[in-house]
């Protein structure tokens, strides 16, 4: 049933098998890359090269304990392209333009003004695309825990007191490598241990379990845009 997972493990240990494995999965890699990029790609596109690198890294770092190889590989491809889109957005914003285009005296009908608007518009679109990819990558990660990204609106804390309690739980998990490893290995939140160690009411931990898990994975992972929405948690840890 997990034949492909075992083939990935074997490919990582054998150069010839690796080449065959990569060649066999070119169509899959292209499909994942096109899905992430939201457009049809060819091998002439930068996204194809990045996706191929990510897939190779997936093979090299994969182990059977990580679940389905295909899910793992697609997650790494998405993350690689997220970094790519994020870099493009920063690059556009940092492009040197005539300083007059950003001055208070710049006319709204001038060429420089049009260039500025075009750069800002494209950068904003790249950021939106990167955020969408982060949400999809996070959703794939949360699926392993038995819930989706879209479940969070129903289990997010509302009151200030509950938010503080959840933030405390998340920070405790992030500062406790054994507990964090146990969470990721078992895909279950050790409510009894967390309740005893952090003194957070069990009722809060149970009711907001999904939110605590999601916030922990987002802040510990490569999700800079999503992290912005819950940065109050990390700020609370720094006080």
C-alpha atoms as a PDB file:
ATOM      1  CA  UNK A   1       0.000   0.000   0.000  1.00  0.00           C
ATOM      2  CA  UNK A   2       2.947   2.303   0.671  1.00  0.00           C
ATOM      3  CA  UNK A   3       5.061   1.016  -2.184  1.00  0.00           C
ATOM      4  CA  UNK A   4       5.872   4.505  -3.472  1.00  0.00           C
ATOM      5  CA  UNK A   5       6.940   5.634   0.000  1.00  0.00           C
ATOM      6  CA  UNK A   6       9.447   2.775   0.196  1.00  0.00           C
ATOM      7  CA  UNK A   7      10.679   3.538  -3.329  1.00  0.00           C
ATOM      8  CA  UNK A   8      11.397   7.120  -2.251  1.00  0.00           C
ATOM      9  CA  UNK A   9      13.478   5.868   0.682  1.00  0.00           C
ATOM     10  CA  UNK A  10      15.414   3.544  -1.615  1.00  0.00           C
ATOM     11  CA  UNK A  11      15.974   6.313  -4.168  1.00  0.00           C
ATOM     12  CA  UNK A  12      17.573   8.528  -1.522  1.00  0.00           C
ATOM     13  CA  UNK A  13      20.241   5.897  -0.932  1.00  0.00           C
ATOM     14  CA  UNK A  14      21.016   5.085  -4.568  1.00  0.00           C
ATOM     15  CA  UNK A  15      22.043   7.619  -7.220  1.00  0.00           C
ATOM     16  CA  UNK A  16      20.805   5.552 -10.158  1.00  0.00           C
ATOM     17  CA  UNK A  17      17.450   4.897  -8.504  1.00  0.00           C
ATOM     18  CA  UNK A  18      17.207   8.594  -7.674  1.00  0.00           C
ATOM     19  CA  UNK A  19      17.586   9.565 -11.343  1.00  0.00           C
ATOM     20  CA  UNK A  20      14.940   7.048 -12.386  1.00  0.00           C
ATOM     21  CA  UNK A  21      12.625   8.194  -9.611  1.00  0.00           C
ATOM     22  CA  UNK A  22      12.954  11.837 -10.659  1.00  0.00           C
ATOM     23  CA  UNK A  23      12.404  11.030 -14.331  1.00  0.00           C
ATOM     24  CA  UNK A  24       9.343   8.960 -13.490  1.00  0.00           C
ATOM     25  CA  UNK A  25       7.802  11.824 -11.519  1.00  0.00           C
ATOM     26  CA  UNK A  26       8.399  14.738 -13.883  1.00  0.00           C
ATOM     27  CA  UNK A  27       4.703  14.972 -14.722  1.00  0.00           C
ATOM     28  CA  UNK A  28       3.769  14.904 -11.018  1.00  0.00           C
ATOM     29  CA  UNK A  29       6.316  17.610 -10.214  1.00  0.00           C
ATOM     30  CA  UNK A  30       5.012  19.795 -13.033  1.00  0.00           C
ATOM     31  CA  UNK A  31       1.428  19.275 -11.897  1.00  0.00           C
ATOM     32  CA  UNK A  32       2.261  20.305  -8.314  1.00  0.00           C
ATOM     33  CA  UNK A  33       4.217  23.341  -9.507  1.00  0.00           C
ATOM     34  CA  UNK A  34       1.456  24.479 -11.878  1.00  0.00           C
ATOM     35  CA  UNK A  35      -1.130  24.064  -9.122  1.00  0.00           C
ATOM     36  CA  UNK A  36       0.943  26.172  -6.741  1.00  0.00           C
ATOM     37  CA  UNK A  37       1.685  28.824  -9.379  1.00  0.00           C
ATOM     38  CA  UNK A  38      -1.953  28.969 -10.494  1.00  0.00           C
ATOM     39  CA  UNK A  39      -0.930  28.789 -14.139  1.00  0.00           C
ATOM     40  CA  UNK A  40       0.300  26.341 -16.749  1.00  0.00           C
ATOM     41  CA  UNK A  41       4.064  25.865 -16.570  1.00  0.00           C
ATOM     42  CA  UNK A  42       6.699  24.465 -18.890  1.00  0.00           C
ATOM     43  CA  UNK A  43      10.271  23.408 -18.237  1.00  0.00           C
ATOM     44  CA  UNK A  44      11.383  26.851 -19.420  1.00  0.00           C
ATOM     45  CA  UNK A  45       9.844  28.458 -16.302  1.00  0.00           C
ATOM     46  CA  UNK A  46      11.839  29.129 -13.149  1.00  0.00           C
ATOM     47  CA  UNK A  47       9.073  27.488 -11.118  1.00  0.00           C
ATOM     48  CA  UNK A  48       9.801  24.145 -12.793  1.00  0.00           C
ATOM     49  CA  UNK A  49      13.462  24.221 -11.742  1.00  0.00           C
ATOM     50  CA  UNK A  50      12.527  25.200  -8.194  1.00  0.00           C
ATOM     51  CA  UNK A  51       9.901  22.464  -8.006  1.00  0.00           C
ATOM     52  CA  UNK A  52      12.430  19.886  -9.218  1.00  0.00           C
ATOM     53  CA  UNK A  53      14.890  21.008  -6.529  1.00  0.00           C
ATOM     54  CA  UNK A  54      12.169  20.803  -3.879  1.00  0.00           C
ATOM     55  CA  UNK A  55      11.129  17.327  -5.015  1.00  0.00           C
ATOM     56  CA  UNK A  56      14.746  16.150  -4.875  1.00  0.00           C
ATOM     57  CA  UNK A  57      15.063  17.577  -1.363  1.00  0.00           C
ATOM     58  CA  UNK A  58      11.851  15.775  -0.440  1.00  0.00           C
ATOM     59  CA  UNK A  59      13.332  12.447  -1.521  1.00  0.00           C
ATOM     60  CA  UNK A  60      16.572  13.104   0.349  1.00  0.00           C
ATOM     61  CA  UNK A  61      14.873  14.127   3.600  1.00  0.00           C
ATOM     62  CA  UNK A  62      11.887  11.760   3.552  1.00  0.00           C
ATOM     63  CA  UNK A  63      11.310   8.977   6.067  1.00  0.00           C
ATOM     64  CA  UNK A  64       8.360   6.625   6.436  1.00  0.00           C
ATOM     65  CA  UNK A  65       7.404   8.286   9.719  1.00  0.00           C
ATOM     66  CA  UNK A  66       6.485  11.453   7.777  1.00  0.00           C
ATOM     67  CA  UNK A  67       3.431   9.825   6.220  1.00  0.00           C
ATOM     68  CA  UNK A  68       2.657   9.802   2.510  1.00  0.00           C
ATOM     69  CA  UNK A  69       5.660  10.723   0.370  1.00  0.00           C
ATOM     70  CA  UNK A  70       3.471  12.448  -2.207  1.00  0.00           C
ATOM     71  CA  UNK A  71       1.909  14.714   0.434  1.00  0.00           C
ATOM     72  CA  UNK A  72       5.342  15.475   1.864  1.00  0.00           C
ATOM     73  CA  UNK A  73       6.800  16.249  -1.574  1.00  0.00           C
ATOM     74  CA  UNK A  74       3.904  18.504  -2.558  1.00  0.00           C
ATOM     75  CA  UNK A  75       4.259  20.411   0.718  1.00  0.00           C
ATOM     76  CA  UNK A  76       7.964  21.051   0.045  1.00  0.00           C
ATOM     77  CA  UNK A  77       7.234  22.142  -3.525  1.00  0.00           C
ATOM     78  CA  UNK A  78       4.619  24.597  -2.295  1.00  0.00           C
ATOM     79  CA  UNK A  79       6.977  26.000   0.321  1.00  0.00           C
ATOM     80  CA  UNK A  80       9.757  26.412  -2.233  1.00  0.00           C
ATOM     81  CA  UNK A  81       7.438  28.354  -4.531  1.00  0.00           C
ATOM     82  CA  UNK A  82       6.133  30.427  -1.620  1.00  0.00           C
ATOM     83  CA  UNK A  83       9.719  31.532  -0.983  1.00  0.00           C
ATOM     84  CA  UNK A  84      10.087  32.285  -4.694  1.00  0.00           C
ATOM     85  CA  UNK A  85       6.960  34.451  -4.878  1.00  0.00           C
ATOM     86  CA  UNK A  86       7.885  36.155  -1.631  1.00  0.00           C
ATOM     87  CA  UNK A  87      11.328  36.984  -3.018  1.00  0.00           C
ATOM     88  CA  UNK A  88       9.809  38.359  -6.211  1.00  0.00           C
ATOM     89  CA  UNK A  89       7.530  40.616  -4.184  1.00  0.00           C
ATOM     90  CA  UNK A  90      10.477  41.976  -2.194  1.00  0.00           C
ATOM     91  CA  UNK A  91      12.524  42.427  -5.368  1.00  0.00           C
ATOM     92  CA  UNK A  92       9.826  44.500  -7.022  1.00  0.00           C
ATOM     93  CA  UNK A  93       9.480  46.697  -3.985  1.00  0.00           C
ATOM     94  CA  UNK A  94      13.246  47.211  -3.829  1.00  0.00           C
ATOM     95  CA  UNK A  95      13.704  48.075  -7.518  1.00  0.00           C
ATOM     96  CA  UNK A  96      15.536  51.409  -7.815  1.00  0.00           C
ATOM     97  CA  UNK A  97      13.238  54.069  -9.259  1.00  0.00           C
ATOM     98  CA  UNK A  98      13.602  57.761  -9.812  1.00  0.00           C
ATOM     99  CA  UNK A  99      13.280  59.346  -6.357  1.00  0.00           C
ATOM    100  CA  UNK A 100      10.945  61.935  -7.859  1.00  0.00           C
ATOM    101  CA  UNK A 101       8.378  59.174  -8.309  1.00  0.00           C
ATOM    102  CA  UNK A 102       8.081  58.899  -4.538  1.00  0.00           C
ATOM    103  CA  UNK A 103       8.221  62.573  -3.734  1.00  0.00           C
ATOM    104  CA  UNK A 104       5.231  64.618  -2.675  1.00  0.00           C
ATOM    105  CA  UNK A 105       5.543  66.609  -5.891  1.00  0.00           C
ATOM    106  CA  UNK A 106       5.240  63.624  -8.202  1.00  0.00           C
ATOM    107  CA  UNK A 107       2.377  64.194 -10.594  1.00  0.00           C
ATOM    108  CA  UNK A 108      -0.327  61.560 -10.747  1.00  0.00           C
ATOM    109  CA  UNK A 109      -0.325  61.608 -14.502  1.00  0.00           C
ATOM    110  CA  UNK A 110       3.429  61.153 -15.023  1.00  0.00           C
ATOM    111  CA  UNK A 111       5.292  58.089 -16.240  1.00  0.00           C
ATOM    112  CA  UNK A 112       7.141  57.649 -12.915  1.00  0.00           C
ATOM    113  CA  UNK A 113       3.849  57.626 -11.057  1.00  0.00           C
ATOM    114  CA  UNK A 114       2.526  54.916 -13.369  1.00  0.00           C
ATOM    115  CA  UNK A 115       5.658  52.832 -12.815  1.00  0.00           C
ATOM    116  CA  UNK A 116       5.319  53.191  -9.052  1.00  0.00           C
ATOM    117  CA  UNK A 117       1.696  52.056  -9.126  1.00  0.00           C
ATOM    118  CA  UNK A 118       2.565  49.102 -11.368  1.00  0.00           C
ATOM    119  CA  UNK A 119       5.374  47.978  -9.047  1.00  0.00           C
ATOM    120  CA  UNK A 120       3.217  48.327  -5.929  1.00  0.00           C
ATOM    121  CA  UNK A 121       0.271  46.563  -7.556  1.00  0.00           C
ATOM    122  CA  UNK A 122       2.369  43.595  -8.709  1.00  0.00           C
ATOM    123  CA  UNK A 123       4.121  43.335  -5.344  1.00  0.00           C
ATOM    124  CA  UNK A 124       0.751  43.293  -3.586  1.00  0.00           C
ATOM    125  CA  UNK A 125      -0.478  40.567  -5.934  1.00  0.00           C
ATOM    126  CA  UNK A 126       2.650  38.487  -5.263  1.00  0.00           C
ATOM    127  CA  UNK A 127       2.067  38.843  -1.526  1.00  0.00           C
ATOM    128  CA  UNK A 128      -1.550  37.707  -1.913  1.00  0.00           C
ATOM    129  CA  UNK A 129      -0.360  34.717  -3.910  1.00  0.00           C
ATOM    130  CA  UNK A 130       2.244  33.856  -1.279  1.00  0.00           C
ATOM    131  CA  UNK A 131      -0.405  34.088   1.450  1.00  0.00           C
ATOM    132  CA  UNK A 132      -2.705  31.761  -0.496  1.00  0.00           C
ATOM    133  CA  UNK A 133       0.100  29.238  -0.840  1.00  0.00           C
ATOM    134  CA  UNK A 134       0.863  29.497   2.869  1.00  0.00           C
ATOM    135  CA  UNK A 135      -2.780  28.791   3.677  1.00  0.00           C
ATOM    136  CA  UNK A 136      -2.772  25.748   1.395  1.00  0.00           C
ATOM    137  CA  UNK A 137       0.487  24.468   2.904  1.00  0.00           C
ATOM    138  CA  UNK A 138      -0.853  25.036   6.418  1.00  0.00           C
ATOM    139  CA  UNK A 139      -4.096  23.288   5.518  1.00  0.00           C
ATOM    140  CA  UNK A 140      -2.172  20.228   4.308  1.00  0.00           C
ATOM    141  CA  UNK A 141      -0.230  20.240   7.581  1.00  0.00           C
ATOM    142  CA  UNK A 142      -3.371  20.556   9.716  1.00  0.00           C
ATOM    143  CA  UNK A 143      -5.083  17.725   7.843  1.00  0.00           C
ATOM    144  CA  UNK A 144      -2.654  15.330   9.516  1.00  0.00           C
ATOM    145  CA  UNK A 145      -4.119  16.455  12.849  1.00  0.00           C
ATOM    146  CA  UNK A 146      -7.673  15.830  11.697  1.00  0.00           C
ATOM    147  CA  UNK A 147      -8.834  19.379  11.018  1.00  0.00           C
ATOM    148  CA  UNK A 148      -8.516  22.046   8.352  1.00  0.00           C
ATOM    149  CA  UNK A 149      -7.383  25.647   8.250  1.00  0.00           C
ATOM    150  CA  UNK A 150     -10.994  26.689   7.785  1.00  0.00           C
ATOM    151  CA  UNK A 151     -12.041  25.080  11.083  1.00  0.00           C
ATOM    152  CA  UNK A 152     -10.072  27.691  13.008  1.00  0.00           C
ATOM    153  CA  UNK A 153     -12.705  30.410  12.786  1.00  0.00           C
ATOM    154  CA  UNK A 154     -14.991  28.317  14.996  1.00  0.00           C
ATOM    155  CA  UNK A 155     -12.403  27.425  17.633  1.00  0.00           C
ATOM    156  CA  UNK A 156     -10.357  30.637  17.888  1.00  0.00           C
ATOM    157  CA  UNK A 157     -10.465  32.356  21.292  1.00  0.00           C
ATOM    158  CA  UNK A 158     -12.653  35.442  21.488  1.00  0.00           C
ATOM    159  CA  UNK A 159     -12.166  36.988  24.926  1.00  0.00           C
ATOM    160  CA  UNK A 160      -8.901  38.607  25.978  1.00  0.00           C
ATOM    161  CA  UNK A 161      -8.513  36.223  28.910  1.00  0.00           C
ATOM    162  CA  UNK A 162      -8.934  33.142  26.717  1.00  0.00           C
ATOM    163  CA  UNK A 163      -6.544  34.539  24.107  1.00  0.00           C
ATOM    164  CA  UNK A 164      -3.914  35.005  26.801  1.00  0.00           C
ATOM    165  CA  UNK A 165      -4.421  31.447  28.054  1.00  0.00           C
ATOM    166  CA  UNK A 166      -4.089  30.010  24.538  1.00  0.00           C
ATOM    167  CA  UNK A 167      -0.994  32.154  23.901  1.00  0.00           C
ATOM    168  CA  UNK A 168       0.509  30.790  27.108  1.00  0.00           C
ATOM    169  CA  UNK A 169      -0.176  27.228  25.950  1.00  0.00           C
ATOM    170  CA  UNK A 170       1.404  27.869  22.527  1.00  0.00           C
ATOM    171  CA  UNK A 171       4.494  29.470  24.064  1.00  0.00           C
ATOM    172  CA  UNK A 172       4.841  26.588  26.506  1.00  0.00           C
ATOM    173  CA  UNK A 173       4.778  24.109  23.613  1.00  0.00           C
ATOM    174  CA  UNK A 174       7.346  26.093  21.625  1.00  0.00           C
ATOM    175  CA  UNK A 175       9.690  26.210  24.631  1.00  0.00           C
ATOM    176  CA  UNK A 176       9.320  22.483  25.311  1.00  0.00           C
ATOM    177  CA  UNK A 177      11.012  20.425  22.553  1.00  0.00           C
ATOM    178  CA  UNK A 178       9.950  17.050  24.038  1.00  0.00           C
ATOM    179  CA  UNK A 179       6.300  18.114  24.198  1.00  0.00           C
ATOM    180  CA  UNK A 180       6.491  19.630  20.712  1.00  0.00           C
ATOM    181  CA  UNK A 181       8.021  16.440  19.312  1.00  0.00           C
ATOM    182  CA  UNK A 182       5.344  14.368  21.002  1.00  0.00           C
ATOM    183  CA  UNK A 183       2.670  16.579  19.430  1.00  0.00           C
ATOM    184  CA  UNK A 184       4.122  16.185  15.946  1.00  0.00           C
ATOM    185  CA  UNK A 185       4.755  12.461  16.262  1.00  0.00           C
ATOM    186  CA  UNK A 186       1.395  11.503  17.738  1.00  0.00           C
ATOM    187  CA  UNK A 187      -0.623  14.279  16.052  1.00  0.00           C
ATOM    188  CA  UNK A 188      -2.374  14.743  19.385  1.00  0.00           C
ATOM    189  CA  UNK A 189      -2.175  17.509  21.970  1.00  0.00           C
ATOM    190  CA  UNK A 190      -1.188  16.156  25.399  1.00  0.00           C
ATOM    191  CA  UNK A 191      -3.857  18.075  27.264  1.00  0.00           C
ATOM    192  CA  UNK A 192      -3.229  16.328  30.587  1.00  0.00           C
ATOM    193  CA  UNK A 193       0.498  17.097  30.527  1.00  0.00           C
ATOM    194  CA  UNK A 194      -0.032  20.644  29.287  1.00  0.00           C
ATOM    195  CA  UNK A 195      -2.686  21.316  31.923  1.00  0.00           C
ATOM    196  CA  UNK A 196      -0.442  20.114  34.723  1.00  0.00           C
ATOM    197  CA  UNK A 197       2.689  21.888  33.459  1.00  0.00           C
ATOM    198  CA  UNK A 198       1.213  25.230  32.432  1.00  0.00           C
ATOM    199  CA  UNK A 199      -1.728  25.381  34.877  1.00  0.00           C
ATOM    200  CA  UNK A 200      -4.067  26.351  32.055  1.00  0.00           C
ATOM    201  CA  UNK A 201      -7.656  25.190  32.654  1.00  0.00           C
ATOM    202  CA  UNK A 202      -8.408  21.905  30.912  1.00  0.00           C
ATOM    203  CA  UNK A 203     -11.661  23.331  29.560  1.00  0.00           C
ATOM    204  CA  UNK A 204      -9.763  25.975  27.570  1.00  0.00           C
ATOM    205  CA  UNK A 205      -7.230  23.463  26.237  1.00  0.00           C
ATOM    206  CA  UNK A 206      -9.960  21.116  25.044  1.00  0.00           C
ATOM    207  CA  UNK A 207     -12.160  23.791  23.512  1.00  0.00           C
ATOM    208  CA  UNK A 208      -9.297  25.506  21.676  1.00  0.00           C
ATOM    209  CA  UNK A 209      -7.155  22.442  20.914  1.00  0.00           C
ATOM    210  CA  UNK A 210      -7.172  23.037  17.138  1.00  0.00           C
ATOM    211  CA  UNK A 211      -6.254  26.698  17.527  1.00  0.00           C
ATOM    212  CA  UNK A 212      -3.343  25.889  19.877  1.00  0.00           C
ATOM    213  CA  UNK A 213      -1.982  23.245  17.512  1.00  0.00           C
ATOM    214  CA  UNK A 214      -2.367  25.489  14.460  1.00  0.00           C
ATOM    215  CA  UNK A 215      -0.751  28.507  16.115  1.00  0.00           C
ATOM    216  CA  UNK A 216       2.160  26.376  17.312  1.00  0.00           C
ATOM    217  CA  UNK A 217       2.820  24.920  13.849  1.00  0.00           C
ATOM    218  CA  UNK A 218       2.508  28.329  12.162  1.00  0.00           C
ATOM    219  CA  UNK A 219       4.904  30.065  14.553  1.00  0.00           C
ATOM    220  CA  UNK A 220       7.381  27.169  14.488  1.00  0.00           C
ATOM    221  CA  UNK A 221       7.191  26.764  10.715  1.00  0.00           C
ATOM    222  CA  UNK A 222       7.890  28.801   7.609  1.00  0.00           C
ATOM    223  CA  UNK A 223       4.693  30.849   7.537  1.00  0.00           C
ATOM    224  CA  UNK A 224       5.733  34.528   7.785  1.00  0.00           C
ATOM    225  CA  UNK A 225       2.476  35.937   6.432  1.00  0.00           C
ATOM    226  CA  UNK A 226       0.206  33.804   8.621  1.00  0.00           C
ATOM    227  CA  UNK A 227       2.470  34.483  11.596  1.00  0.00           C
ATOM    228  CA  UNK A 228       1.635  38.168  11.305  1.00  0.00           C
ATOM    229  CA  UNK A 229      -1.965  37.418  12.258  1.00  0.00           C
ATOM    230  CA  UNK A 230      -0.948  35.822  15.562  1.00  0.00           C
ATOM    231  CA  UNK A 231       2.199  37.789  16.347  1.00  0.00           C
ATOM    232  CA  UNK A 232       0.656  38.817  19.684  1.00  0.00           C
ATOM    233  CA  UNK A 233       1.440  35.289  20.877  1.00  0.00           C
ATOM    234  CA  UNK A 234       5.175  35.637  20.261  1.00  0.00           C
ATOM    235  CA  UNK A 235       5.200  39.155  21.683  1.00  0.00           C
ATOM    236  CA  UNK A 236       3.666  37.800  24.856  1.00  0.00           C
ATOM    237  CA  UNK A 237       6.538  35.340  25.173  1.00  0.00           C
ATOM    238  CA  UNK A 238       9.127  38.130  24.896  1.00  0.00           C
ATOM    239  CA  UNK A 239       7.733  40.146  27.798  1.00  0.00           C
END
